[in-house]
Amino acid sequence: MGKQVKELKLDDEHLTIGMEDSLQEAARRLLTISGGILIVLDDDEKVKGVLGQRQLVQALADGVEASVATCHAHMEMDFLQVKLEDALSDVLADVRKRSPQAVVAVDHEGIFSGYFSPSDYQEAMEMVKNLKGLNL
């Protein structure tokens, strides 16, 4: 049986933020995680987008007032949503085919469960490669 998304450590390299939170609050949170991103959630803990340093800098370059502008107005919506039970080999194929800005994992109810970071991608590639080597 192939490895699944839930076997990866998905609780690092990100923080969450609400849709109505300000870009100023987003900047504060981004400063606490090196190289990570913010997952923008609605009130039901469903993923609506992602916000990284690039989106934040672009908003500031456009002259928005960070204390007033909201995350939902500047978030990136090009993300791939995968389920915890999805096979890593399938997820890797989807990522290669689509090249999303981010990959997020959700549970069976669609509630945010974790961020599939670039390091998780590398780990998944290694796991799938090792399984192929075993000829299972």
C-alpha atoms as a PDB file:
ATOM      1  CA  MET A   1       0.000   0.000   0.000  1.00  0.00           C
ATOM      2  CA  GLY A   2       1.306   3.455  -0.904  1.00  0.00           C
ATOM      3  CA  LYS A   3       2.134   6.201   1.533  1.00  0.00           C
ATOM      4  CA  GLN A   4      -0.519   8.814   2.261  1.00  0.00           C
ATOM      5  CA  VAL A   5      -0.447  12.570   2.863  1.00  0.00           C
ATOM      6  CA  LYS A   6      -1.262  12.068   6.554  1.00  0.00           C
ATOM      7  CA  GLU A   7       2.122  10.380   7.046  1.00  0.00           C
ATOM      8  CA  LEU A   8       3.942  13.683   6.488  1.00  0.00           C
ATOM      9  CA  LYS A   9       4.596  16.360   9.123  1.00  0.00           C
ATOM     10  CA  LEU A  10       2.172  19.040   7.943  1.00  0.00           C
ATOM     11  CA  ASP A  11       2.034  21.280  11.000  1.00  0.00           C
ATOM     12  CA  ASP A  12       5.186  23.309  10.375  1.00  0.00           C
ATOM     13  CA  GLU A  13       6.240  26.121   8.022  1.00  0.00           C
ATOM     14  CA  HIS A  14       2.888  27.898   8.176  1.00  0.00           C
ATOM     15  CA  LEU A  15       0.470  29.810  10.356  1.00  0.00           C
ATOM     16  CA  THR A  16      -3.197  30.484   9.798  1.00  0.00           C
ATOM     17  CA  ILE A  17      -4.981  33.811   9.533  1.00  0.00           C
ATOM     18  CA  GLY A  18      -8.576  34.928   9.034  1.00  0.00           C
ATOM     19  CA  MET A  19      -9.975  36.453   5.884  1.00  0.00           C
ATOM     20  CA  GLU A  20     -10.779  39.744   7.591  1.00  0.00           C
ATOM     21  CA  ASP A  21      -7.454  40.073   9.414  1.00  0.00           C
ATOM     22  CA  SER A  22      -5.347  43.013   8.267  1.00  0.00           C
ATOM     23  CA  LEU A  23      -2.208  42.833   6.179  1.00  0.00           C
ATOM     24  CA  GLN A  24      -0.450  44.407   9.140  1.00  0.00           C
ATOM     25  CA  GLU A  25      -1.368  41.357  11.233  1.00  0.00           C
ATOM     26  CA  ALA A  26      -0.287  39.126   8.329  1.00  0.00           C
ATOM     27  CA  ALA A  27       3.123  40.825   8.304  1.00  0.00           C
ATOM     28  CA  ARG A  28       3.487  40.286  12.050  1.00  0.00           C
ATOM     29  CA  ARG A  29       2.750  36.590  11.672  1.00  0.00           C
ATOM     30  CA  LEU A  30       4.983  36.119   8.611  1.00  0.00           C
ATOM     31  CA  LEU A  31       7.893  37.588  10.560  1.00  0.00           C
ATOM     32  CA  THR A  32       7.625  34.721  13.056  1.00  0.00           C
ATOM     33  CA  ILE A  33       8.019  31.927  10.492  1.00  0.00           C
ATOM     34  CA  SER A  34      11.104  31.761   8.352  1.00  0.00           C
ATOM     35  CA  GLY A  35      10.218  31.034   4.749  1.00  0.00           C
ATOM     36  CA  GLY A  36       6.667  29.944   5.522  1.00  0.00           C
ATOM     37  CA  ILE A  37       3.250  31.103   4.428  1.00  0.00           C
ATOM     38  CA  LEU A  38      -0.084  32.041   5.944  1.00  0.00           C
ATOM     39  CA  ILE A  39      -3.100  29.867   5.219  1.00  0.00           C
ATOM     40  CA  VAL A  40      -6.194  32.077   4.965  1.00  0.00           C
ATOM     41  CA  LEU A  41      -9.201  30.381   6.571  1.00  0.00           C
ATOM     42  CA  ASP A  42     -12.869  31.289   6.774  1.00  0.00           C
ATOM     43  CA  ASP A  43     -14.898  31.011   9.980  1.00  0.00           C
ATOM     44  CA  ASP A  44     -15.496  27.296   9.299  1.00  0.00           C
ATOM     45  CA  GLU A  45     -11.734  26.516   9.085  1.00  0.00           C
ATOM     46  CA  LYS A  46     -11.954  26.017   5.309  1.00  0.00           C
ATOM     47  CA  VAL A  47      -9.033  27.164   3.178  1.00  0.00           C
ATOM     48  CA  LYS A  48      -9.808  30.196   1.039  1.00  0.00           C
ATOM     49  CA  GLY A  49      -6.296  31.136  -0.042  1.00  0.00           C
ATOM     50  CA  VAL A  50      -2.691  31.583   0.953  1.00  0.00           C
ATOM     51  CA  LEU A  51      -0.661  34.669   1.699  1.00  0.00           C
ATOM     52  CA  GLY A  52       3.098  34.789   1.477  1.00  0.00           C
ATOM     53  CA  GLN A  53       5.795  37.406   1.437  1.00  0.00           C
ATOM     54  CA  ARG A  54       5.288  38.019  -2.268  1.00  0.00           C
ATOM     55  CA  GLN A  55       1.592  38.879  -1.932  1.00  0.00           C
ATOM     56  CA  LEU A  56       2.297  41.093   1.063  1.00  0.00           C
ATOM     57  CA  VAL A  57       5.094  43.009  -0.667  1.00  0.00           C
ATOM     58  CA  GLN A  58       2.962  43.393  -3.818  1.00  0.00           C
ATOM     59  CA  ALA A  59       0.097  44.884  -1.789  1.00  0.00           C
ATOM     60  CA  LEU A  60       2.450  47.332  -0.092  1.00  0.00           C
ATOM     61  CA  ALA A  61       4.031  48.245  -3.448  1.00  0.00           C
ATOM     62  CA  ASP A  62       0.521  48.975  -4.723  1.00  0.00           C
ATOM     63  CA  GLY A  63       0.116  51.471  -1.878  1.00  0.00           C
ATOM     64  CA  VAL A  64      -2.470  49.731   0.287  1.00  0.00           C
ATOM     65  CA  GLU A  65      -2.785  50.751   3.905  1.00  0.00           C
ATOM     66  CA  ALA A  66      -1.658  47.627   5.763  1.00  0.00           C
ATOM     67  CA  SER A  67      -3.641  48.366   8.915  1.00  0.00           C
ATOM     68  CA  VAL A  68      -6.903  48.522   6.934  1.00  0.00           C
ATOM     69  CA  ALA A  69      -6.461  46.165   3.959  1.00  0.00           C
ATOM     70  CA  THR A  70      -7.688  42.628   4.589  1.00  0.00           C
ATOM     71  CA  CYS A  71      -6.036  39.320   3.822  1.00  0.00           C
ATOM     72  CA  HIS A  72      -8.846  38.081   1.605  1.00  0.00           C
ATOM     73  CA  ALA A  73      -8.348  41.013  -0.766  1.00  0.00           C
ATOM     74  CA  HIS A  74      -4.701  40.104  -1.367  1.00  0.00           C
ATOM     75  CA  MET A  75      -4.459  36.338  -0.919  1.00  0.00           C
ATOM     76  CA  GLU A  76      -3.346  33.939  -3.625  1.00  0.00           C
ATOM     77  CA  MET A  77      -6.091  31.526  -4.645  1.00  0.00           C
ATOM     78  CA  ASP A  78      -3.985  29.193  -6.795  1.00  0.00           C
ATOM     79  CA  PHE A  79      -3.670  26.348  -4.320  1.00  0.00           C
ATOM     80  CA  LEU A  80      -4.160  22.620  -4.581  1.00  0.00           C
ATOM     81  CA  GLN A  81      -6.302  21.033  -1.898  1.00  0.00           C
ATOM     82  CA  VAL A  82      -5.564  17.390  -1.096  1.00  0.00           C
ATOM     83  CA  LYS A  83      -7.092  14.977   1.389  1.00  0.00           C
ATOM     84  CA  LEU A  84      -5.122  13.363   4.203  1.00  0.00           C
ATOM     85  CA  GLU A  85      -5.937   9.938   2.762  1.00  0.00           C
ATOM     86  CA  ASP A  86      -4.668  10.771  -0.738  1.00  0.00           C
ATOM     87  CA  ALA A  87      -1.755   8.719  -1.987  1.00  0.00           C
ATOM     88  CA  LEU A  88       1.510  10.640  -2.111  1.00  0.00           C
ATOM     89  CA  SER A  89       2.205   9.403  -5.631  1.00  0.00           C
ATOM     90  CA  ASP A  90      -1.105  10.913  -6.826  1.00  0.00           C
ATOM     91  CA  VAL A  91      -0.442  14.214  -5.044  1.00  0.00           C
ATOM     92  CA  LEU A  92       3.046  14.468  -6.530  1.00  0.00           C
ATOM     93  CA  ALA A  93       1.635  13.844 -10.005  1.00  0.00           C
ATOM     94  CA  ASP A  94      -1.006  16.569  -9.487  1.00  0.00           C
ATOM     95  CA  VAL A  95       1.609  19.035  -8.236  1.00  0.00           C
ATOM     96  CA  ARG A  96       3.841  18.374 -11.258  1.00  0.00           C
ATOM     97  CA  LYS A  97       0.908  18.712 -13.644  1.00  0.00           C
ATOM     98  CA  ARG A  98      -0.622  21.860 -12.129  1.00  0.00           C
ATOM     99  CA  SER A  99       2.274  23.678 -10.376  1.00  0.00           C
ATOM    100  CA  PRO A 100       0.082  25.426  -7.772  1.00  0.00           C
ATOM    101  CA  GLN A 101       1.373  28.233  -5.543  1.00  0.00           C
ATOM    102  CA  ALA A 102       0.650  26.061  -2.486  1.00  0.00           C
ATOM    103  CA  VAL A 103      -0.672  22.651  -1.480  1.00  0.00           C
ATOM    104  CA  VAL A 104      -2.919  22.322   1.562  1.00  0.00           C
ATOM    105  CA  ALA A 105      -4.264  19.198   3.223  1.00  0.00           C
ATOM    106  CA  VAL A 106      -7.825  18.878   4.498  1.00  0.00           C
ATOM    107  CA  ASP A 107      -9.694  16.225   6.439  1.00  0.00           C
ATOM    108  CA  HIS A 108     -12.748  14.323   5.175  1.00  0.00           C
ATOM    109  CA  GLU A 109     -14.972  17.335   6.008  1.00  0.00           C
ATOM    110  CA  GLY A 110     -12.795  19.798   4.104  1.00  0.00           C
ATOM    111  CA  ILE A 111     -11.367  21.369   7.262  1.00  0.00           C
ATOM    112  CA  PHE A 112      -7.763  22.558   7.085  1.00  0.00           C
ATOM    113  CA  SER A 113      -5.289  19.989   8.435  1.00  0.00           C
ATOM    114  CA  GLY A 114      -1.883  21.180   7.276  1.00  0.00           C
ATOM    115  CA  TYR A 115       0.397  22.761   4.729  1.00  0.00           C
ATOM    116  CA  PHE A 116       2.248  20.576   2.238  1.00  0.00           C
ATOM    117  CA  SER A 117       5.480  22.581   2.185  1.00  0.00           C
ATOM    118  CA  PRO A 118       8.380  22.314  -0.277  1.00  0.00           C
ATOM    119  CA  SER A 119      10.261  20.197   2.293  1.00  0.00           C
ATOM    120  CA  ASP A 120       7.202  17.927   2.562  1.00  0.00           C
ATOM    121  CA  TYR A 121       7.300  17.611  -1.221  1.00  0.00           C
ATOM    122  CA  GLN A 122      10.926  16.469  -1.048  1.00  0.00           C
ATOM    123  CA  GLU A 123      10.091  13.997   1.728  1.00  0.00           C
ATOM    124  CA  ALA A 124       7.162  12.631  -0.278  1.00  0.00           C
ATOM    125  CA  MET A 125       9.360  12.224  -3.361  1.00  0.00           C
ATOM    126  CA  GLU A 126      11.862  10.230  -1.303  1.00  0.00           C
ATOM    127  CA  MET A 127       9.129   8.047   0.251  1.00  0.00           C
ATOM    128  CA  VAL A 128       7.593   7.244  -3.139  1.00  0.00           C
ATOM    129  CA  LYS A 129      11.026   6.568  -4.644  1.00  0.00           C
ATOM    130  CA  ASN A 130      11.875   4.182  -1.797  1.00  0.00           C
ATOM    131  CA  LEU A 131       8.582   2.304  -2.224  1.00  0.00           C
ATOM    132  CA  LYS A 132       9.226   1.888  -5.955  1.00  0.00           C
ATOM    133  CA  GLY A 133      12.660   0.485  -5.110  1.00  0.00           C
ATOM    134  CA  LEU A 134      11.002  -2.206  -3.012  1.00  0.00           C
ATOM    135  CA  ASN A 135       8.860  -3.303  -5.983  1.00  0.00           C
ATOM    136  CA  LEU A 136       5.691  -3.387  -3.889  1.00  0.00           C
END
